[in-house]
Amino acid sequence: MNVRAIREDDLPAIAAFLADDEERLLGRPSRIGVGDVRAWIDPKSFADRSWLFEDAPGRIVALGWAEVHGEVGIAIGAVHRDATGRGLGSQLVDRSESGLREDGVGRIHQIVLAADPGAPELLDARGYREVRRFWEMTIELGDEAPVVPSLPGGMRIETFDERDARPFHDALEEAFRDHWEHVSQPFEEWWNEKRSAQDYSPDLWFLVRDGDEIAAVARNDPNRSGGGWIGALGVRRRWRGRGLARALLVHSFREFHERGKRRVGLGVDAENPTGATRLYESVGMHVELEQVVWEKAVA
């Protein structure tokens, strides 16, 4: 068995591996592509916080990676259907725990698909407990472009301008401050990360302006999970309950529709405190995939 770090040129093979794993567990075609994998794995994790198991040259049988977010370490792993029962899942958990302990995290989150039948037994036996669930929700748009709801008087939807990068970031930070395990990201770090991404598409970023202030924002990606992707949608506290999230969401649908994207998806905390899941269901989105977060405190 050869174990090595993930490299950039592995991403197509990793996308195919994870798509096969998802298809096996969910019983439907997967839409995972290279763009998804690139969005999931921080390149800074490649060198010493990622693991690729091969039992022959070019044949992946397991893989995983770990990252640090504030005081929490996050780990993800998968084992090929033909390699289960060989202890590879345990090895992935061991490697992620060892590396994250070295990073000094206080807690570790292992993220698994809810449909994975072996994950609960493995993680429970190692002292983890389920703490949260997240959904991937999608919609298939029809032939007619959606009609954007009207906004309260004086407000308007605008396409992002890079001159608004800092207030856009500030609005996102305020909107997500209430969310579970939110970790603030300094503006310069966030901005360098976003504008250097291969799929950076500022023409798919939108905001609602109320006078001179940004009240709500949407940051979208052009090609994730087989279609358009709502990367972040947030309303600042003072403007909540006024239909701004719905307007930005439907505006994003309309923009994707005009680009020929009929499928649109997003990720959401199943216990989102702002009522986002109810909003998404009300516009026709449905849950297509569920992830489970298992947590363990570490010394």
Protein backbone atom coordinates (compact mmCIF):
# COMPACT_ATOMS: atom_id res chain seq x y z
CA MET A 1 0.00 0.00 0.00
CA ASN A 2 1.44 3.36 -1.02
CA VAL A 3 0.35 6.37 1.04
CA ARG A 4 1.25 9.86 -0.13
CA ALA A 5 0.00 13.43 -0.07
CA ILE A 6 -2.59 14.66 -2.54
CA ARG A 7 -1.28 16.70 -5.48
CA GLU A 8 -3.01 19.19 -7.75
CA ASP A 9 -2.85 16.75 -10.67
CA ASP A 10 -4.75 14.15 -8.59
CA LEU A 11 -7.95 16.23 -8.55
CA PRO A 12 -9.60 14.64 -11.64
CA ALA A 13 -9.00 11.14 -10.23
CA ILE A 14 -10.23 12.25 -6.79
CA ALA A 15 -13.40 13.72 -8.32
CA ALA A 16 -14.08 10.41 -10.09
CA PHE A 17 -13.38 8.46 -6.89
CA LEU A 18 -15.73 10.59 -4.78
CA ALA A 19 -18.41 10.55 -7.46
CA ASP A 20 -18.29 6.76 -7.51
CA ASP A 21 -18.53 6.67 -3.70
CA GLU A 22 -21.54 9.00 -3.72
CA GLU A 23 -23.29 6.99 -6.44
CA ARG A 24 -22.78 3.78 -4.45
CA LEU A 25 -24.18 5.26 -1.25
CA LEU A 26 -27.06 7.26 -2.72
CA GLY A 27 -28.06 5.04 -5.62
CA ARG A 28 -28.14 7.87 -8.16
CA PRO A 29 -25.70 9.55 -10.57
CA SER A 30 -23.28 11.93 -8.89
CA ARG A 31 -22.48 15.40 -10.20
CA ILE A 32 -19.14 15.80 -8.40
CA GLY A 33 -16.51 17.38 -10.65
CA VAL A 34 -13.02 18.80 -10.38
CA GLY A 35 -14.44 22.22 -9.50
CA ASP A 36 -16.16 20.74 -6.45
CA VAL A 37 -13.00 19.02 -5.22
CA ARG A 38 -10.95 22.15 -5.75
CA ALA A 39 -13.47 24.08 -3.64
CA TRP A 40 -13.40 21.47 -0.87
CA ILE A 41 -9.66 20.95 -0.41
CA ASP A 42 -7.51 23.85 0.72
CA PRO A 43 -4.23 23.59 -1.25
CA LYS A 44 -2.40 24.43 1.99
CA SER A 45 -3.50 20.99 3.23
CA PHE A 46 -1.91 19.10 0.34
CA ALA A 47 1.60 18.73 1.73
CA ASP A 48 1.08 17.47 5.28
CA ARG A 49 -2.66 17.15 5.93
CA SER A 50 -3.83 14.97 3.05
CA TRP A 51 -3.55 11.25 2.36
CA LEU A 52 -3.98 9.19 -0.80
CA PHE A 53 -3.90 5.41 -0.45
CA GLU A 54 -3.01 3.40 -3.58
CA ASP A 55 -2.76 -0.39 -3.73
CA ALA A 56 -1.37 -0.18 -7.27
CA PRO A 57 -0.02 2.74 -9.32
CA GLY A 58 -2.92 5.04 -10.13
CA ARG A 59 -5.50 2.93 -8.24
CA ILE A 60 -6.94 4.91 -5.32
CA VAL A 61 -8.52 2.85 -2.56
CA ALA A 62 -8.92 5.57 0.09
CA LEU A 63 -8.28 9.27 0.58
CA GLY A 64 -8.75 12.02 3.11
CA TRP A 65 -7.68 15.49 4.19
CA ALA A 66 -7.85 17.74 7.24
CA GLU A 67 -7.96 21.50 7.78
CA VAL A 68 -8.02 23.90 10.72
CA HIS A 69 -10.82 26.43 11.17
CA GLY A 70 -10.28 28.46 14.32
CA GLU A 71 -10.08 26.04 17.24
CA VAL A 72 -11.75 23.23 15.28
CA GLY A 73 -10.09 20.68 13.03
CA ILE A 74 -12.18 19.38 10.13
CA ALA A 75 -11.51 15.99 8.51
CA ILE A 76 -13.06 14.24 5.53
CA GLY A 77 -12.29 10.77 4.21
CA ALA A 78 -13.63 8.06 1.91
CA VAL A 79 -12.82 4.39 1.25
CA HIS A 80 -13.43 2.58 -2.04
CA ARG A 81 -16.29 0.10 -2.05
CA ASP A 82 -13.90 -2.79 -2.81
CA ALA A 83 -11.49 -1.84 0.01
CA THR A 84 -13.85 -1.76 2.99
CA GLY A 85 -13.04 -4.01 5.95
CA ARG A 86 -9.29 -3.47 5.62
CA GLY A 87 -8.97 -0.82 8.33
CA LEU A 88 -8.49 2.07 5.92
CA GLY A 89 -11.26 4.13 7.50
CA SER A 90 -9.59 3.74 10.87
CA GLN A 91 -6.25 4.77 9.40
CA LEU A 92 -7.79 7.92 7.94
CA VAL A 93 -9.30 8.86 11.31
CA ASP A 94 -5.96 8.15 13.06
CA ARG A 95 -3.98 10.26 10.61
CA SER A 96 -6.39 13.17 10.75
CA GLU A 97 -6.49 13.10 14.56
CA SER A 98 -2.71 12.94 14.85
CA GLY A 99 -2.17 15.83 12.47
CA LEU A 100 -4.87 18.01 13.97
CA ARG A 101 -3.61 17.40 17.50
CA GLU A 102 -0.24 18.73 16.35
CA ASP A 103 -2.07 21.83 15.13
CA GLY A 104 -3.43 22.35 18.65
CA VAL A 105 -7.15 22.21 17.93
CA GLY A 106 -9.59 21.78 20.80
CA ARG A 107 -12.16 19.75 18.87
CA ILE A 108 -12.23 17.61 15.73
CA HIS A 109 -15.14 17.36 13.31
CA GLN A 110 -15.31 14.30 11.07
CA ILE A 111 -17.72 14.94 8.17
CA VAL A 112 -19.42 11.96 6.53
CA LEU A 113 -22.38 11.28 4.26
CA ALA A 114 -25.50 10.37 6.20
CA ALA A 115 -25.96 7.41 3.86
CA ASP A 116 -22.61 5.84 4.86
CA PRO A 117 -23.63 2.82 6.97
CA GLY A 118 -20.21 2.21 8.50
CA ALA A 119 -19.39 5.71 9.70
CA PRO A 120 -21.52 5.84 12.89
CA GLU A 121 -20.04 2.65 14.34
CA LEU A 122 -16.46 3.69 13.49
CA LEU A 123 -16.77 7.19 14.93
CA ASP A 124 -18.86 6.29 17.95
CA ALA A 125 -16.27 3.71 18.95
CA ARG A 126 -13.60 6.40 18.85
CA GLY A 127 -15.40 8.80 21.13
CA TYR A 128 -17.19 10.99 18.59
CA ARG A 129 -20.80 12.13 18.86
CA GLU A 130 -23.13 13.48 16.20
CA VAL A 131 -23.54 17.26 16.58
CA ARG A 132 -24.95 18.66 13.31
CA ARG A 133 -26.36 17.88 9.90
CA PHE A 134 -26.01 19.82 6.68
CA TRP A 135 -28.04 19.57 3.50
CA GLU A 136 -27.26 20.09 -0.13
CA MET A 137 -30.46 21.49 -1.63
CA THR A 138 -31.14 21.84 -5.36
CA ILE A 139 -33.72 23.08 -7.85
CA GLU A 140 -34.28 22.30 -11.50
CA LEU A 141 -35.43 25.48 -13.22
CA GLY A 142 -38.08 25.36 -15.91
CA ASP A 143 -38.05 26.88 -19.38
CA GLU A 144 -39.27 30.26 -18.16
CA ALA A 145 -36.87 32.49 -16.23
CA PRO A 146 -37.99 33.07 -12.62
CA VAL A 147 -39.56 36.43 -11.78
CA VAL A 148 -37.63 38.32 -9.11
CA PRO A 149 -39.78 39.57 -6.21
CA SER A 150 -39.95 43.32 -5.74
CA LEU A 151 -37.86 44.91 -3.02
CA PRO A 152 -38.96 47.38 -0.34
CA GLY A 153 -38.94 50.97 -1.49
CA GLY A 154 -35.57 52.43 -2.39
CA MET A 155 -33.66 49.12 -2.36
CA ARG A 156 -32.10 47.63 -5.47
CA ILE A 157 -30.12 44.58 -6.55
CA GLU A 158 -26.72 45.35 -8.05
CA THR A 159 -23.95 43.25 -9.56
CA PHE A 160 -20.80 43.23 -7.45
CA ASP A 161 -18.11 45.79 -8.16
CA GLU A 162 -14.63 45.11 -6.80
CA ARG A 163 -14.64 48.57 -5.24
CA ASP A 164 -17.28 47.16 -2.89
CA ALA A 165 -15.15 44.18 -1.85
CA ARG A 166 -14.58 45.30 1.73
CA PRO A 167 -18.20 46.26 2.58
CA PHE A 168 -19.36 43.08 0.77
CA HIS A 169 -17.08 41.05 3.06
CA ASP A 170 -18.26 42.98 6.11
CA ALA A 171 -21.89 42.24 5.22
CA LEU A 172 -21.13 38.53 4.86
CA GLU A 173 -19.33 38.47 8.20
CA GLU A 174 -22.26 40.13 9.96
CA ALA A 175 -24.82 37.89 8.26
CA PHE A 176 -23.02 34.68 9.22
CA ARG A 177 -21.99 35.71 12.74
CA ASP A 178 -25.03 33.87 14.15
CA HIS A 179 -24.24 30.63 12.34
CA TRP A 180 -22.97 27.49 14.02
CA GLU A 181 -19.15 27.35 14.29
CA HIS A 182 -18.67 30.48 12.18
CA VAL A 183 -15.02 31.57 12.05
CA SER A 184 -14.35 35.13 10.97
CA GLN A 185 -11.87 35.53 8.13
CA PRO A 186 -9.84 38.75 7.83
CA PHE A 187 -10.71 40.76 4.75
CA GLU A 188 -7.32 40.57 3.03
CA GLU A 189 -7.15 36.77 3.47
CA TRP A 190 -10.73 36.34 2.22
CA TRP A 191 -10.29 38.67 -0.75
CA ASN A 192 -7.00 37.15 -1.89
CA GLU A 193 -8.55 33.68 -1.66
CA LYS A 194 -11.71 34.56 -3.58
CA ARG A 195 -10.24 36.59 -6.43
CA SER A 196 -7.44 34.08 -7.03
CA ALA A 197 -9.86 31.13 -7.29
CA GLN A 198 -10.03 29.56 -10.74
CA ASP A 199 -13.81 29.98 -10.85
CA TYR A 200 -13.92 33.56 -9.54
CA SER A 201 -16.95 35.08 -11.28
CA PRO A 202 -17.74 38.57 -9.96
CA ASP A 203 -20.56 38.88 -12.49
CA LEU A 204 -22.36 36.23 -10.38
CA TRP A 205 -21.94 38.11 -7.11
CA PHE A 206 -24.89 40.34 -6.17
CA LEU A 207 -25.88 42.73 -3.41
CA VAL A 208 -28.89 44.65 -2.21
CA ARG A 209 -28.16 48.28 -1.51
CA ASP A 210 -30.29 50.42 0.77
CA GLY A 211 -29.17 53.98 0.21
CA ASP A 212 -25.41 53.91 0.71
CA GLU A 213 -25.40 50.70 2.75
CA ILE A 214 -25.15 47.07 1.64
CA ALA A 215 -28.03 45.21 3.28
CA ALA A 216 -27.65 41.71 1.78
CA VAL A 217 -25.25 39.78 -0.45
CA ALA A 218 -25.05 36.67 -2.62
CA ARG A 219 -21.77 35.12 -3.76
CA ASN A 220 -22.26 32.50 -6.47
CA ASP A 221 -20.04 30.01 -8.29
CA PRO A 222 -20.54 29.21 -11.99
CA ASN A 223 -20.12 25.43 -11.97
CA ARG A 224 -20.49 23.28 -8.89
CA SER A 225 -22.38 20.03 -8.40
CA GLY A 226 -23.34 19.92 -12.06
CA GLY A 227 -24.79 23.43 -12.29
CA GLY A 228 -24.85 26.86 -10.72
CA TRP A 229 -24.06 27.18 -7.03
CA ILE A 230 -25.18 29.67 -4.38
CA GLY A 231 -21.90 29.92 -2.47
CA ALA A 232 -23.12 32.30 0.23
CA LEU A 233 -26.35 34.18 0.82
CA GLY A 234 -26.64 36.52 3.75
CA VAL A 235 -28.75 39.39 5.09
CA ARG A 236 -27.45 41.78 7.72
CA ARG A 237 -29.43 41.68 10.97
CA ARG A 238 -31.08 45.09 10.62
CA TRP A 239 -32.63 44.14 7.25
CA ARG A 240 -33.89 40.64 8.02
CA GLY A 241 -37.53 39.71 7.53
CA ARG A 242 -38.01 42.02 4.53
CA GLY A 243 -37.68 39.54 1.65
CA LEU A 244 -34.11 40.42 0.67
CA ALA A 245 -32.79 36.84 0.81
CA ARG A 246 -35.65 35.60 -1.37
CA ALA A 247 -35.05 38.38 -3.91
CA LEU A 248 -31.31 37.66 -4.13
CA LEU A 249 -31.94 33.92 -4.34
CA VAL A 250 -34.43 34.23 -7.20
CA HIS A 251 -32.25 36.85 -8.90
CA SER A 252 -29.39 34.32 -8.79
CA PHE A 253 -31.68 31.65 -10.26
CA ARG A 254 -32.55 34.04 -13.07
CA GLU A 255 -28.91 34.81 -13.83
CA PHE A 256 -28.02 31.12 -13.95
CA HIS A 257 -31.06 30.49 -16.16
CA GLU A 258 -29.86 33.11 -18.64
CA ARG A 259 -26.49 31.33 -18.76
CA GLY A 260 -28.17 28.04 -19.61
CA LYS A 261 -27.86 26.59 -16.11
CA ARG A 262 -31.11 24.88 -15.18
CA ARG A 263 -29.81 23.16 -12.06
CA VAL A 264 -28.86 25.30 -9.06
CA GLY A 265 -27.69 24.09 -5.67
CA LEU A 266 -26.49 25.29 -2.29
CA GLY A 267 -25.38 23.98 1.07
CA VAL A 268 -27.21 24.81 4.30
CA ASP A 269 -27.13 23.98 7.99
CA ALA A 270 -30.20 21.83 8.65
CA GLU A 271 -30.70 23.80 11.89
CA ASN A 272 -30.02 27.22 10.37
CA PRO A 273 -31.21 29.80 12.91
CA THR A 274 -32.39 32.34 10.33
CA GLY A 275 -34.99 30.07 8.73
CA ALA A 276 -33.00 29.58 5.52
CA THR A 277 -34.17 26.00 4.99
CA ARG A 278 -37.81 27.12 4.99
CA LEU A 279 -36.99 29.84 2.47
CA TYR A 280 -35.25 27.39 0.14
CA GLU A 281 -38.13 24.93 0.33
CA SER A 282 -40.63 27.72 -0.37
CA VAL A 283 -38.94 28.53 -3.71
CA GLY A 284 -38.94 24.89 -4.84
CA MET A 285 -35.59 23.57 -3.61
CA HIS A 286 -35.35 20.09 -2.13
CA VAL A 287 -32.79 18.14 -0.12
CA GLU A 288 -30.61 15.98 -2.36
CA LEU A 289 -27.78 15.05 0.00
CA GLU A 290 -27.21 15.04 3.76
CA GLN A 291 -23.92 15.25 5.62
CA VAL A 292 -23.34 14.49 9.29
CA VAL A 293 -20.79 16.20 11.53
CA TRP A 294 -19.31 14.06 14.30
CA GLU A 295 -17.37 15.84 17.04
CA LYS A 296 -14.67 14.82 19.50
CA ALA A 297 -12.91 16.98 22.09
CA VAL A 298 -9.13 16.56 22.18
CA ALA A 299 -6.58 17.47 24.82
